[in-house]
Amino acid sequence: MRQLIVTEFLSLDGVMENPMWTFPYWNDEIAAFKGEETSANEPLLLGRVTYQGFAAAWPQRKDEDPGASYFNGARKYVASTTLHEPLEWNNSVLLKGNVVDEVTKLKQEDGPDIVVHGSGKLIQTLMQHDLVDKYRLLVYPLILGKGQRLFEEGAAIKLKLVESRSFSSGVAGLIYEPVRE
């Protein structure tokens, strides 16, 4: 059975929206942490907004560009109620029907783990239905004060820290798993 792994860039106050603010902190340590998520050709699960943003950016990048061969080659499952067909980006599949049912089926298949980048609204749904198995978070030393947060008001999820790393840029890499009783 596959695991569903959420990976996010977060400010200290939990904002995940439009992570352009992460660029000044990027270094080889963070690149290595992110590279661990893309080393086994894990398929992606993306919400429509993140998918459209990635599809506009990644296809033009060459294989020498870090991440390009992974993002362009990986299977991309797209959760959307508004798209009728996936965009013309290699290996994109539109999930049809109820996203919770579709993701549950994907998790039951054999194969590598499934990774979710960005996709805030989709993640909210996945968390509500206890479908997330791991959170890989890069927490940046800044407070943004506003924006979409990973954990919305009212979300109650008990997590267990399974790994932490601190990087020279002041960013913390945190890996959590849900506590399931």
N, C-alpha and C. Protein backbone atom coordinates (compact mmCIF):
# COMPACT_ATOMS: atom_id res chain seq x y z
N MET A 1 0.84 -1.18 0.00
CA MET A 1 0.00 0.00 0.00
C MET A 1 0.89 1.25 0.00
N ARG A 2 0.52 2.20 -0.80
CA ARG A 2 1.29 3.43 -0.92
C ARG A 2 0.98 4.40 0.23
N GLN A 3 1.95 5.25 0.52
CA GLN A 3 1.73 6.34 1.46
C GLN A 3 1.48 7.62 0.67
N LEU A 4 0.75 8.52 1.29
CA LEU A 4 0.51 9.84 0.71
C LEU A 4 1.32 10.83 1.54
N ILE A 5 2.24 11.52 0.87
CA ILE A 5 3.17 12.42 1.54
C ILE A 5 2.90 13.85 1.08
N VAL A 6 2.63 14.72 2.04
CA VAL A 6 2.44 16.14 1.77
C VAL A 6 3.77 16.83 2.00
N THR A 7 4.22 17.63 1.05
CA THR A 7 5.47 18.38 1.21
C THR A 7 5.18 19.86 0.98
N GLU A 8 5.59 20.68 1.93
CA GLU A 8 5.25 22.10 1.87
C GLU A 8 6.38 22.98 2.36
N PHE A 9 6.40 24.19 1.82
CA PHE A 9 7.20 25.30 2.34
C PHE A 9 6.26 26.09 3.24
N LEU A 10 6.67 26.36 4.48
CA LEU A 10 5.82 27.10 5.42
C LEU A 10 6.58 28.23 6.07
N SER A 11 5.88 29.34 6.29
CA SER A 11 6.43 30.39 7.14
C SER A 11 6.20 29.95 8.59
N LEU A 12 6.81 30.65 9.54
CA LEU A 12 6.62 30.29 10.95
C LEU A 12 5.16 30.38 11.37
N ASP A 13 4.38 31.24 10.73
CA ASP A 13 2.96 31.33 11.08
C ASP A 13 2.09 30.43 10.19
N GLY A 14 2.73 29.47 9.50
CA GLY A 14 1.99 28.43 8.81
C GLY A 14 1.51 28.76 7.41
N VAL A 15 1.93 29.89 6.85
CA VAL A 15 1.50 30.27 5.50
C VAL A 15 2.26 29.43 4.47
N MET A 16 1.52 28.90 3.51
CA MET A 16 2.09 28.08 2.45
C MET A 16 1.89 28.70 1.07
N GLU A 17 1.13 29.74 0.99
CA GLU A 17 0.72 30.34 -0.27
C GLU A 17 1.88 31.00 -1.01
N ASN A 18 1.93 30.80 -2.32
CA ASN A 18 2.88 31.45 -3.21
C ASN A 18 4.27 31.58 -2.58
N PRO A 19 5.00 30.50 -2.49
CA PRO A 19 6.26 30.50 -1.72
C PRO A 19 7.46 31.15 -2.41
N MET A 20 7.23 32.25 -3.09
CA MET A 20 8.35 33.01 -3.68
C MET A 20 9.29 33.50 -2.58
N TRP A 21 8.78 33.67 -1.38
CA TRP A 21 9.56 34.16 -0.25
C TRP A 21 10.61 33.16 0.21
N THR A 22 10.59 31.94 -0.32
CA THR A 22 11.58 30.93 0.07
C THR A 22 12.91 31.09 -0.67
N PHE A 23 12.90 31.75 -1.82
CA PHE A 23 14.08 31.80 -2.68
C PHE A 23 15.35 32.31 -1.99
N PRO A 24 15.29 33.37 -1.17
CA PRO A 24 16.53 33.85 -0.55
C PRO A 24 17.18 32.83 0.40
N TYR A 25 16.43 31.84 0.83
CA TYR A 25 16.94 30.85 1.78
C TYR A 25 17.47 29.58 1.11
N TRP A 26 17.22 29.43 -0.18
CA TRP A 26 17.55 28.19 -0.88
C TRP A 26 19.05 27.95 -0.85
N ASN A 27 19.45 26.72 -0.54
CA ASN A 27 20.86 26.33 -0.56
C ASN A 27 20.96 24.84 -0.85
N ASP A 28 22.17 24.32 -0.87
CA ASP A 28 22.37 22.90 -1.20
C ASP A 28 21.73 21.97 -0.16
N GLU A 29 21.70 22.38 1.11
CA GLU A 29 21.08 21.55 2.15
C GLU A 29 19.58 21.37 1.88
N ILE A 30 18.92 22.47 1.56
CA ILE A 30 17.48 22.41 1.29
C ILE A 30 17.23 21.64 0.00
N ALA A 31 18.08 21.85 -1.00
CA ALA A 31 17.96 21.12 -2.26
C ALA A 31 18.07 19.62 -2.02
N ALA A 32 18.98 19.20 -1.14
CA ALA A 32 19.13 17.78 -0.83
C ALA A 32 17.89 17.24 -0.13
N PHE A 33 17.34 18.00 0.82
CA PHE A 33 16.12 17.60 1.52
C PHE A 33 14.97 17.41 0.52
N LYS A 34 14.79 18.39 -0.38
CA LYS A 34 13.74 18.28 -1.39
C LYS A 34 14.04 17.15 -2.37
N GLY A 35 15.33 16.93 -2.67
CA GLY A 35 15.71 15.86 -3.59
C GLY A 35 15.33 14.49 -3.09
N GLU A 36 15.26 14.32 -1.77
CA GLU A 36 14.85 13.03 -1.20
C GLU A 36 13.42 12.68 -1.60
N GLU A 37 12.62 13.67 -1.89
CA GLU A 37 11.22 13.44 -2.26
C GLU A 37 11.07 13.06 -3.73
N THR A 38 12.08 13.33 -4.50
CA THR A 38 11.97 13.14 -5.94
C THR A 38 12.94 12.09 -6.47
N SER A 39 13.52 11.30 -5.60
CA SER A 39 14.56 10.37 -6.03
C SER A 39 14.02 9.02 -6.47
N ALA A 40 12.80 8.67 -6.11
CA ALA A 40 12.29 7.34 -6.43
C ALA A 40 11.15 7.38 -7.45
N ASN A 41 11.05 8.49 -8.19
CA ASN A 41 10.03 8.64 -9.22
C ASN A 41 8.62 8.50 -8.67
N GLU A 42 8.38 9.10 -7.51
CA GLU A 42 7.06 9.07 -6.92
C GLU A 42 6.09 9.85 -7.80
N PRO A 43 4.87 9.35 -7.95
CA PRO A 43 3.88 10.14 -8.68
C PRO A 43 3.44 11.34 -7.86
N LEU A 44 2.93 12.34 -8.55
CA LEU A 44 2.44 13.56 -7.91
C LEU A 44 0.93 13.54 -7.86
N LEU A 45 0.39 14.11 -6.81
CA LEU A 45 -1.04 14.39 -6.72
C LEU A 45 -1.13 15.89 -6.53
N LEU A 46 -1.83 16.56 -7.45
CA LEU A 46 -1.87 18.01 -7.43
C LEU A 46 -3.30 18.52 -7.55
N GLY A 47 -3.58 19.60 -6.85
CA GLY A 47 -4.82 20.33 -7.07
C GLY A 47 -4.70 21.13 -8.35
N ARG A 48 -5.82 21.62 -8.85
CA ARG A 48 -5.83 22.32 -10.14
C ARG A 48 -4.92 23.53 -10.18
N VAL A 49 -4.96 24.38 -9.17
CA VAL A 49 -4.17 25.61 -9.20
C VAL A 49 -2.67 25.29 -9.23
N THR A 50 -2.22 24.39 -8.37
CA THR A 50 -0.80 24.01 -8.37
C THR A 50 -0.43 23.34 -9.68
N TYR A 51 -1.29 22.45 -10.16
CA TYR A 51 -1.04 21.76 -11.43
C TYR A 51 -0.87 22.76 -12.58
N GLN A 52 -1.77 23.73 -12.68
CA GLN A 52 -1.66 24.70 -13.77
C GLN A 52 -0.39 25.54 -13.63
N GLY A 53 -0.01 25.89 -12.41
CA GLY A 53 1.23 26.63 -12.21
C GLY A 53 2.45 25.82 -12.58
N PHE A 54 2.48 24.55 -12.14
CA PHE A 54 3.60 23.67 -12.49
C PHE A 54 3.65 23.43 -14.00
N ALA A 55 2.49 23.21 -14.62
CA ALA A 55 2.44 22.92 -16.06
C ALA A 55 2.89 24.12 -16.89
N ALA A 56 2.78 25.31 -16.33
CA ALA A 56 3.25 26.51 -17.03
C ALA A 56 4.76 26.68 -16.88
N ALA A 57 5.33 26.12 -15.81
CA ALA A 57 6.75 26.35 -15.51
C ALA A 57 7.66 25.19 -15.90
N TRP A 58 7.30 23.96 -15.56
CA TRP A 58 8.25 22.85 -15.69
C TRP A 58 8.51 22.36 -17.11
N PRO A 59 7.54 22.28 -18.00
CA PRO A 59 7.85 21.70 -19.33
C PRO A 59 8.96 22.43 -20.10
N GLN A 60 9.15 23.72 -19.84
CA GLN A 60 10.18 24.47 -20.55
C GLN A 60 11.57 24.23 -19.97
N ARG A 61 11.65 23.63 -18.81
CA ARG A 61 12.95 23.43 -18.17
C ARG A 61 13.61 22.18 -18.72
N LYS A 62 14.92 22.24 -18.82
CA LYS A 62 15.70 21.13 -19.37
C LYS A 62 16.09 20.17 -18.25
N ASP A 63 16.46 18.95 -18.63
CA ASP A 63 16.80 17.92 -17.65
C ASP A 63 17.95 18.32 -16.73
N GLU A 64 18.84 19.21 -17.17
CA GLU A 64 19.96 19.64 -16.31
C GLU A 64 19.45 20.52 -15.17
N ASP A 65 18.30 21.12 -15.36
CA ASP A 65 17.70 21.99 -14.36
C ASP A 65 17.21 21.12 -13.20
N PRO A 66 17.65 21.41 -11.95
CA PRO A 66 17.24 20.56 -10.82
C PRO A 66 15.73 20.38 -10.76
N GLY A 67 15.30 19.14 -10.70
CA GLY A 67 13.89 18.82 -10.59
C GLY A 67 13.17 18.64 -11.91
N ALA A 68 13.72 19.14 -13.01
CA ALA A 68 13.00 19.10 -14.28
C ALA A 68 12.69 17.69 -14.75
N SER A 69 13.67 16.79 -14.71
CA SER A 69 13.40 15.43 -15.20
C SER A 69 12.35 14.74 -14.33
N TYR A 70 12.38 15.02 -13.02
CA TYR A 70 11.37 14.42 -12.14
C TYR A 70 9.98 14.97 -12.43
N PHE A 71 9.82 16.29 -12.36
CA PHE A 71 8.49 16.88 -12.52
C PHE A 71 7.93 16.63 -13.92
N ASN A 72 8.77 16.64 -14.93
CA ASN A 72 8.29 16.41 -16.29
C ASN A 72 8.03 14.93 -16.57
N GLY A 73 8.75 14.03 -15.89
CA GLY A 73 8.59 12.61 -16.16
C GLY A 73 7.61 11.89 -15.26
N ALA A 74 7.39 12.40 -14.07
CA ALA A 74 6.54 11.71 -13.09
C ALA A 74 5.08 11.68 -13.56
N ARG A 75 4.38 10.64 -13.12
CA ARG A 75 2.92 10.58 -13.31
C ARG A 75 2.32 11.69 -12.46
N LYS A 76 1.39 12.44 -13.04
CA LYS A 76 0.74 13.54 -12.33
C LYS A 76 -0.75 13.27 -12.28
N TYR A 77 -1.28 13.03 -11.07
CA TYR A 77 -2.71 12.88 -10.87
C TYR A 77 -3.25 14.25 -10.49
N VAL A 78 -4.30 14.68 -11.18
CA VAL A 78 -4.82 16.03 -11.00
C VAL A 78 -6.24 15.95 -10.44
N ALA A 79 -6.43 16.59 -9.28
CA ALA A 79 -7.75 16.67 -8.67
C ALA A 79 -8.37 18.01 -9.05
N SER A 80 -9.46 17.96 -9.79
CA SER A 80 -10.12 19.20 -10.21
C SER A 80 -11.59 18.92 -10.51
N THR A 81 -12.42 19.87 -10.14
CA THR A 81 -13.83 19.79 -10.51
C THR A 81 -14.13 20.69 -11.70
N THR A 82 -13.14 21.45 -12.15
CA THR A 82 -13.38 22.39 -13.25
C THR A 82 -12.68 22.00 -14.55
N LEU A 83 -11.59 21.27 -14.48
CA LEU A 83 -10.92 20.81 -15.71
C LEU A 83 -11.68 19.62 -16.28
N HIS A 84 -11.80 19.56 -17.59
CA HIS A 84 -12.45 18.42 -18.23
C HIS A 84 -11.43 17.48 -18.86
N GLU A 85 -10.25 18.00 -19.12
CA GLU A 85 -9.13 17.23 -19.66
C GLU A 85 -7.86 17.77 -19.02
N PRO A 86 -6.85 16.90 -18.83
CA PRO A 86 -5.59 17.43 -18.30
C PRO A 86 -4.91 18.30 -19.35
N LEU A 87 -4.06 19.20 -18.90
CA LEU A 87 -3.28 20.03 -19.81
C LEU A 87 -2.28 19.16 -20.55
N GLU A 88 -1.70 19.69 -21.60
CA GLU A 88 -0.72 18.93 -22.36
C GLU A 88 0.63 18.96 -21.66
N TRP A 89 0.72 18.17 -20.60
CA TRP A 89 1.96 18.03 -19.85
C TRP A 89 2.15 16.54 -19.63
N ASN A 90 3.27 16.03 -20.03
CA ASN A 90 3.59 14.61 -20.01
C ASN A 90 3.08 13.89 -18.76
N ASN A 91 2.42 12.75 -18.96
CA ASN A 91 1.99 11.85 -17.88
C ASN A 91 0.94 12.45 -16.94
N SER A 92 0.10 13.35 -17.42
CA SER A 92 -0.95 13.93 -16.59
C SER A 92 -2.24 13.14 -16.73
N VAL A 93 -2.86 12.84 -15.59
CA VAL A 93 -4.12 12.10 -15.56
C VAL A 93 -5.10 12.87 -14.68
N LEU A 94 -6.26 13.16 -15.21
CA LEU A 94 -7.30 13.85 -14.45
C LEU A 94 -8.09 12.82 -13.64
N LEU A 95 -8.18 13.04 -12.34
CA LEU A 95 -8.99 12.16 -11.50
C LEU A 95 -10.45 12.51 -11.73
N LYS A 96 -11.23 11.52 -12.06
CA LYS A 96 -12.65 11.76 -12.32
C LYS A 96 -13.43 11.20 -11.13
N GLY A 97 -14.45 11.86 -10.74
CA GLY A 97 -15.26 11.39 -9.62
C GLY A 97 -14.81 12.01 -8.31
N ASN A 98 -15.25 11.41 -7.23
CA ASN A 98 -14.98 11.89 -5.88
C ASN A 98 -13.50 11.77 -5.56
N VAL A 99 -12.85 12.87 -5.22
CA VAL A 99 -11.41 12.88 -4.99
C VAL A 99 -11.02 11.96 -3.83
N VAL A 100 -11.82 11.90 -2.79
CA VAL A 100 -11.51 11.04 -1.64
C VAL A 100 -11.50 9.58 -2.08
N ASP A 101 -12.51 9.17 -2.85
CA ASP A 101 -12.56 7.79 -3.35
C ASP A 101 -11.40 7.50 -4.29
N GLU A 102 -11.09 8.45 -5.18
CA GLU A 102 -10.01 8.25 -6.14
C GLU A 102 -8.65 8.14 -5.46
N VAL A 103 -8.40 8.99 -4.47
CA VAL A 103 -7.12 8.95 -3.76
C VAL A 103 -7.03 7.68 -2.91
N THR A 104 -8.12 7.27 -2.32
CA THR A 104 -8.14 6.03 -1.54
C THR A 104 -7.75 4.85 -2.44
N LYS A 105 -8.30 4.81 -3.66
CA LYS A 105 -7.95 3.75 -4.62
C LYS A 105 -6.47 3.81 -4.98
N LEU A 106 -5.96 5.01 -5.26
CA LEU A 106 -4.54 5.16 -5.61
C LEU A 106 -3.64 4.65 -4.48
N LYS A 107 -4.00 4.96 -3.25
CA LYS A 107 -3.19 4.52 -2.11
C LYS A 107 -3.19 3.01 -1.96
N GLN A 108 -4.24 2.35 -2.39
CA GLN A 108 -4.34 0.90 -2.25
C GLN A 108 -3.55 0.15 -3.31
N GLU A 109 -3.14 0.84 -4.37
CA GLU A 109 -2.37 0.21 -5.43
C GLU A 109 -0.94 -0.03 -4.98
N ASP A 110 -0.28 -0.98 -5.65
CA ASP A 110 1.15 -1.16 -5.44
C ASP A 110 1.88 -0.05 -6.18
N GLY A 111 3.04 0.31 -5.67
CA GLY A 111 3.84 1.31 -6.35
C GLY A 111 4.48 2.25 -5.36
N PRO A 112 5.22 3.22 -5.89
CA PRO A 112 5.89 4.19 -5.01
C PRO A 112 4.87 5.09 -4.33
N ASP A 113 5.31 5.74 -3.26
CA ASP A 113 4.47 6.68 -2.53
C ASP A 113 4.02 7.80 -3.45
N ILE A 114 2.98 8.50 -3.05
CA ILE A 114 2.41 9.61 -3.81
C ILE A 114 2.73 10.89 -3.05
N VAL A 115 3.22 11.91 -3.78
CA VAL A 115 3.65 13.15 -3.14
C VAL A 115 2.74 14.30 -3.59
N VAL A 116 2.31 15.11 -2.61
CA VAL A 116 1.48 16.28 -2.88
C VAL A 116 2.31 17.53 -2.60
N HIS A 117 2.47 18.39 -3.60
CA HIS A 117 3.14 19.68 -3.46
C HIS A 117 2.06 20.76 -3.52
N GLY A 118 2.23 21.83 -2.74
CA GLY A 118 1.26 22.93 -2.80
C GLY A 118 -0.14 22.41 -2.56
N SER A 119 -1.08 22.76 -3.45
CA SER A 119 -2.42 22.16 -3.47
C SER A 119 -3.18 22.30 -2.16
N GLY A 120 -3.21 23.50 -1.60
CA GLY A 120 -3.77 23.75 -0.28
C GLY A 120 -5.18 23.24 -0.07
N LYS A 121 -6.09 23.53 -1.00
CA LYS A 121 -7.48 23.08 -0.82
C LYS A 121 -7.58 21.56 -0.88
N LEU A 122 -6.83 20.97 -1.78
CA LEU A 122 -6.81 19.50 -1.87
C LEU A 122 -6.31 18.90 -0.57
N ILE A 123 -5.24 19.46 -0.02
CA ILE A 123 -4.69 18.93 1.23
C ILE A 123 -5.70 19.03 2.36
N GLN A 124 -6.45 20.11 2.41
CA GLN A 124 -7.49 20.25 3.45
C GLN A 124 -8.45 19.06 3.37
N THR A 125 -8.86 18.72 2.17
CA THR A 125 -9.78 17.58 1.99
C THR A 125 -9.11 16.28 2.39
N LEU A 126 -7.86 16.08 1.99
CA LEU A 126 -7.14 14.85 2.33
C LEU A 126 -6.99 14.71 3.85
N MET A 127 -6.69 15.83 4.53
CA MET A 127 -6.54 15.79 5.99
C MET A 127 -7.87 15.47 6.67
N GLN A 128 -8.95 16.04 6.18
CA GLN A 128 -10.27 15.81 6.77
C GLN A 128 -10.65 14.33 6.70
N HIS A 129 -10.13 13.63 5.72
CA HIS A 129 -10.46 12.22 5.53
C HIS A 129 -9.32 11.28 5.94
N ASP A 130 -8.37 11.81 6.70
CA ASP A 130 -7.26 11.03 7.24
C ASP A 130 -6.51 10.24 6.17
N LEU A 131 -6.25 10.89 5.03
CA LEU A 131 -5.54 10.24 3.94
C LEU A 131 -4.06 10.59 3.88
N VAL A 132 -3.60 11.54 4.70
CA VAL A 132 -2.19 11.93 4.68
C VAL A 132 -1.41 11.04 5.65
N ASP A 133 -0.31 10.47 5.16
CA ASP A 133 0.51 9.56 5.97
C ASP A 133 1.79 10.21 6.47
N LYS A 134 2.21 11.29 5.83
CA LYS A 134 3.46 11.94 6.24
C LYS A 134 3.43 13.39 5.79
N TYR A 135 4.01 14.26 6.62
CA TYR A 135 4.17 15.68 6.29
C TYR A 135 5.66 15.98 6.28
N ARG A 136 6.17 16.45 5.14
CA ARG A 136 7.57 16.89 5.02
C ARG A 136 7.53 18.40 4.88
N LEU A 137 7.90 19.09 5.94
CA LEU A 137 7.75 20.53 5.99
C LEU A 137 9.09 21.23 6.07
N LEU A 138 9.26 22.26 5.27
CA LEU A 138 10.39 23.17 5.40
C LEU A 138 9.83 24.44 6.00
N VAL A 139 10.22 24.74 7.23
CA VAL A 139 9.70 25.90 7.95
C VAL A 139 10.74 27.00 7.91
N TYR A 140 10.32 28.15 7.36
CA TYR A 140 11.22 29.28 7.11
C TYR A 140 11.13 30.31 8.24
N PRO A 141 12.26 30.94 8.57
CA PRO A 141 12.30 31.85 9.71
C PRO A 141 11.75 33.24 9.40
N LEU A 142 10.49 33.27 9.03
CA LEU A 142 9.83 34.55 8.80
C LEU A 142 8.33 34.39 9.05
N ILE A 143 7.70 35.51 9.38
CA ILE A 143 6.27 35.54 9.61
C ILE A 143 5.67 36.42 8.52
N LEU A 144 4.69 35.86 7.81
CA LEU A 144 4.08 36.59 6.70
C LEU A 144 2.81 37.33 7.12
N GLY A 145 2.14 36.86 8.16
CA GLY A 145 0.98 37.57 8.68
C GLY A 145 -0.32 37.31 7.97
N LYS A 146 -0.27 36.88 6.72
CA LYS A 146 -1.50 36.56 6.00
C LYS A 146 -1.19 35.60 4.87
N GLY A 147 -2.23 34.95 4.42
CA GLY A 147 -2.09 33.99 3.33
C GLY A 147 -2.70 32.65 3.71
N GLN A 148 -2.80 31.77 2.74
CA GLN A 148 -3.36 30.45 2.98
C GLN A 148 -2.44 29.65 3.89
N ARG A 149 -3.02 29.03 4.89
CA ARG A 149 -2.26 28.24 5.84
C ARG A 149 -2.47 26.75 5.59
N LEU A 150 -1.47 25.98 5.93
CA LEU A 150 -1.58 24.53 5.78
C LEU A 150 -2.65 23.99 6.72
N PHE A 151 -2.60 24.40 7.97
CA PHE A 151 -3.58 23.93 8.94
C PHE A 151 -4.56 25.06 9.21
N GLU A 152 -5.77 24.90 8.70
CA GLU A 152 -6.79 25.93 8.85
C GLU A 152 -7.36 25.93 10.26
N GLU A 153 -7.98 27.04 10.61
CA GLU A 153 -8.62 27.13 11.92
C GLU A 153 -9.62 25.99 12.07
N GLY A 154 -9.59 25.34 13.20
CA GLY A 154 -10.49 24.22 13.47
C GLY A 154 -9.89 22.86 13.16
N ALA A 155 -8.80 22.82 12.42
CA ALA A 155 -8.16 21.53 12.12
C ALA A 155 -7.53 20.98 13.39
N ALA A 156 -7.83 19.75 13.70
CA ALA A 156 -7.27 19.11 14.89
C ALA A 156 -6.65 17.78 14.47
N ILE A 157 -5.33 17.76 14.39
CA ILE A 157 -4.60 16.56 13.96
C ILE A 157 -3.43 16.37 14.91
N LYS A 158 -3.31 15.20 15.48
CA LYS A 158 -2.19 14.91 16.36
C LYS A 158 -1.07 14.30 15.52
N LEU A 159 0.13 14.89 15.61
CA LEU A 159 1.26 14.45 14.81
C LEU A 159 2.42 14.01 15.70
N LYS A 160 3.23 13.12 15.14
CA LYS A 160 4.45 12.67 15.82
C LYS A 160 5.64 13.09 14.96
N LEU A 161 6.59 13.80 15.59
CA LEU A 161 7.81 14.20 14.88
C LEU A 161 8.68 12.97 14.70
N VAL A 162 9.03 12.66 13.45
CA VAL A 162 9.88 11.50 13.19
C VAL A 162 11.28 11.89 12.76
N GLU A 163 11.45 13.16 12.34
CA GLU A 163 12.79 13.62 11.98
C GLU A 163 12.80 15.14 11.96
N SER A 164 13.92 15.72 12.37
CA SER A 164 14.09 17.17 12.26
C SER A 164 15.53 17.46 11.87
N ARG A 165 15.68 18.49 11.06
CA ARG A 165 17.01 18.95 10.65
C ARG A 165 16.98 20.48 10.65
N SER A 166 18.09 21.06 11.02
CA SER A 166 18.19 22.52 10.89
C SER A 166 19.26 22.80 9.84
N PHE A 167 18.99 23.81 9.03
CA PHE A 167 19.88 24.15 7.94
C PHE A 167 20.56 25.48 8.22
N SER A 168 21.69 25.71 7.61
CA SER A 168 22.49 26.91 7.87
C SER A 168 21.75 28.20 7.53
N SER A 169 20.73 28.13 6.70
CA SER A 169 19.95 29.32 6.33
C SER A 169 18.90 29.69 7.37
N GLY A 170 18.79 28.87 8.43
CA GLY A 170 17.79 29.11 9.46
C GLY A 170 16.50 28.36 9.22
N VAL A 171 16.40 27.64 8.13
CA VAL A 171 15.22 26.85 7.80
C VAL A 171 15.29 25.52 8.56
N ALA A 172 14.13 25.03 9.00
CA ALA A 172 14.05 23.73 9.67
C ALA A 172 13.30 22.76 8.78
N GLY A 173 13.85 21.58 8.62
CA GLY A 173 13.17 20.50 7.91
C GLY A 173 12.54 19.59 8.95
N LEU A 174 11.23 19.45 8.89
CA LEU A 174 10.49 18.66 9.88
C LEU A 174 9.66 17.61 9.16
N ILE A 175 9.73 16.38 9.67
CA ILE A 175 8.94 15.30 9.09
C ILE A 175 8.05 14.74 10.20
N TYR A 176 6.75 14.78 9.94
CA TYR A 176 5.74 14.31 10.90
C TYR A 176 4.90 13.21 10.29
N GLU A 177 4.40 12.35 11.17
CA GLU A 177 3.40 11.36 10.79
C GLU A 177 2.19 11.53 11.69
N PRO A 178 1.00 11.29 11.18
CA PRO A 178 -0.19 11.39 12.04
C PRO A 178 -0.16 10.29 13.10
N VAL A 179 -0.67 10.62 14.27
CA VAL A 179 -0.85 9.63 15.33
C VAL A 179 -2.25 9.05 15.11
N ARG A 180 -2.29 7.78 14.77
CA ARG A 180 -3.57 7.10 14.53
C ARG A 180 -3.79 6.11 15.66
N GLU A 181 -4.93 6.21 16.28
CA GLU A 181 -5.20 5.35 17.46
C GLU A 181 -6.07 4.19 17.12
